[in-house]
Amino acid sequence: MNSVCVYDPHADAWTQLASMTIARCNHASAVVGGKLYVFGGLRGEERLCTVEVYDPATDSWAHGSSLTSARCDVAVTAL
């Protein structure tokens, strides 16, 4: 899937955001500096090395620097 939704616990409601440019599953994600980063994952049987960056101020996605190798089923942590 490439769809993205955000949950507002105060309103108990989901809102759909702009879709990622690449449909993926089994990816990792983290928030850094107010932006959401999505790393790698799978598109069908293909392992991805792509990174997408979501900017909530513009409700848009941009491509980030690619990973050094394709990865899926990984975890990330923002420090």
C-alpha atoms as a PDB file:
ATOM      1  CA  MET A   1       0.000   0.000   0.000  1.00  0.00           C
ATOM      2  CA  ASN A   2       1.035   3.583  -0.434  1.00  0.00           C
ATOM      3  CA  SER A   3      -1.819   5.120   1.544  1.00  0.00           C
ATOM      4  CA  VAL A   4      -1.081   6.943   4.796  1.00  0.00           C
ATOM      5  CA  CYS A   5      -3.456   7.869   7.610  1.00  0.00           C
ATOM      6  CA  VAL A   6      -2.956   9.746  10.879  1.00  0.00           C
ATOM      7  CA  TYR A   7      -4.945   9.103  14.054  1.00  0.00           C
ATOM      8  CA  ASP A   8      -6.137  11.938  16.305  1.00  0.00           C
ATOM      9  CA  PRO A   9      -6.836  10.430  19.735  1.00  0.00           C
ATOM     10  CA  HIS A  10      -8.644  13.566  20.956  1.00  0.00           C
ATOM     11  CA  ALA A  11     -11.158  13.385  18.112  1.00  0.00           C
ATOM     12  CA  ASP A  12     -10.989   9.568  17.931  1.00  0.00           C
ATOM     13  CA  ALA A  13     -10.741   9.947  14.162  1.00  0.00           C
ATOM     14  CA  TRP A  14      -8.492   8.982  11.253  1.00  0.00           C
ATOM     15  CA  THR A  15      -7.492  11.387   8.458  1.00  0.00           C
ATOM     16  CA  GLN A  16      -6.012  10.312   5.127  1.00  0.00           C
ATOM     17  CA  LEU A  17      -2.789  12.086   4.131  1.00  0.00           C
ATOM     18  CA  ALA A  18      -0.973  12.314   0.809  1.00  0.00           C
ATOM     19  CA  SER A  19       0.047   8.869  -0.466  1.00  0.00           C
ATOM     20  CA  MET A  20       3.673   7.745  -0.613  1.00  0.00           C
ATOM     21  CA  THR A  21       5.114   7.622  -4.126  1.00  0.00           C
ATOM     22  CA  ILE A  22       5.962   3.912  -3.799  1.00  0.00           C
ATOM     23  CA  ALA A  23       3.627   1.255  -2.416  1.00  0.00           C
ATOM     24  CA  ARG A  24       5.492  -0.806   0.187  1.00  0.00           C
ATOM     25  CA  CYS A  25       5.142  -3.086   3.183  1.00  0.00           C
ATOM     26  CA  ASN A  26       7.533  -4.367   5.868  1.00  0.00           C
ATOM     27  CA  HIS A  27       9.270  -0.975   6.002  1.00  0.00           C
ATOM     28  CA  ALA A  28      10.602   1.027   8.946  1.00  0.00           C
ATOM     29  CA  SER A  29       9.692   4.591   9.859  1.00  0.00           C
ATOM     30  CA  ALA A  30      10.681   7.309  12.315  1.00  0.00           C
ATOM     31  CA  VAL A  31       9.931  10.962  12.962  1.00  0.00           C
ATOM     32  CA  VAL A  32      12.895  13.356  12.983  1.00  0.00           C
ATOM     33  CA  GLY A  33      12.602  17.136  13.016  1.00  0.00           C
ATOM     34  CA  GLY A  34       8.841  16.973  12.556  1.00  0.00           C
ATOM     35  CA  LYS A  35       9.075  14.915   9.359  1.00  0.00           C
ATOM     36  CA  LEU A  36       8.220  11.246   8.851  1.00  0.00           C
ATOM     37  CA  TYR A  37      10.930   9.109   7.221  1.00  0.00           C
ATOM     38  CA  VAL A  38      10.043   5.752   5.643  1.00  0.00           C
ATOM     39  CA  PHE A  39      12.919   3.355   4.921  1.00  0.00           C
ATOM     40  CA  GLY A  40      13.091   0.372   2.580  1.00  0.00           C
ATOM     41  CA  GLY A  41      10.460  -2.336   2.674  1.00  0.00           C
ATOM     42  CA  LEU A  42       9.017  -4.648   0.059  1.00  0.00           C
ATOM     43  CA  ARG A  43       7.145  -3.933  -3.157  1.00  0.00           C
ATOM     44  CA  GLY A  44       5.839  -7.351  -4.091  1.00  0.00           C
ATOM     45  CA  GLU A  45       8.944  -9.563  -3.997  1.00  0.00           C
ATOM     46  CA  GLU A  46      11.338  -6.629  -4.567  1.00  0.00           C
ATOM     47  CA  ARG A  47      13.351  -5.343  -1.597  1.00  0.00           C
ATOM     48  CA  LEU A  48      13.595  -1.548  -1.625  1.00  0.00           C
ATOM     49  CA  CYS A  49      16.506   0.764  -0.823  1.00  0.00           C
ATOM     50  CA  THR A  50      14.405   3.904  -1.230  1.00  0.00           C
ATOM     51  CA  VAL A  51      13.649   6.473   1.460  1.00  0.00           C
ATOM     52  CA  GLU A  52      10.631   8.779   1.424  1.00  0.00           C
ATOM     53  CA  VAL A  53      10.173  11.855   3.612  1.00  0.00           C
ATOM     54  CA  TYR A  54       6.742  13.206   4.552  1.00  0.00           C
ATOM     55  CA  ASP A  55       6.375  16.911   5.393  1.00  0.00           C
ATOM     56  CA  PRO A  56       3.138  17.578   7.315  1.00  0.00           C
ATOM     57  CA  ALA A  57       3.370  21.329   6.604  1.00  0.00           C
ATOM     58  CA  THR A  58       2.838  20.671   2.882  1.00  0.00           C
ATOM     59  CA  ASP A  59       1.121  17.238   3.076  1.00  0.00           C
ATOM     60  CA  SER A  60       3.662  15.961   0.554  1.00  0.00           C
ATOM     61  CA  TRP A  61       6.340  13.311   0.088  1.00  0.00           C
ATOM     62  CA  ALA A  62       9.878  13.746  -1.233  1.00  0.00           C
ATOM     63  CA  HIS A  63      12.627  11.237  -1.980  1.00  0.00           C
ATOM     64  CA  GLY A  64      15.418  11.034   0.577  1.00  0.00           C
ATOM     65  CA  SER A  65      18.902   9.591   0.165  1.00  0.00           C
ATOM     66  CA  SER A  66      18.792   5.913  -0.757  1.00  0.00           C
ATOM     67  CA  LEU A  67      19.883   3.257   1.705  1.00  0.00           C
ATOM     68  CA  THR A  68      23.248   1.595   1.053  1.00  0.00           C
ATOM     69  CA  SER A  69      21.403  -1.661   0.348  1.00  0.00           C
ATOM     70  CA  ALA A  70      17.816  -2.858   0.004  1.00  0.00           C
ATOM     71  CA  ARG A  71      16.206  -3.690   3.360  1.00  0.00           C
ATOM     72  CA  CYS A  72      12.946  -4.965   4.747  1.00  0.00           C
ATOM     73  CA  ASP A  73      11.692  -6.161   8.123  1.00  0.00           C
ATOM     74  CA  VAL A  74      13.974  -3.677   9.871  1.00  0.00           C
ATOM     75  CA  ALA A  75      13.588  -1.325  12.815  1.00  0.00           C
ATOM     76  CA  VAL A  76      14.788   2.246  13.216  1.00  0.00           C
ATOM     77  CA  THR A  77      15.121   4.557  16.199  1.00  0.00           C
ATOM     78  CA  ALA A  78      15.324   8.338  16.267  1.00  0.00           C
ATOM     79  CA  LEU A  79      17.730   9.661  18.870  1.00  0.00           C
END
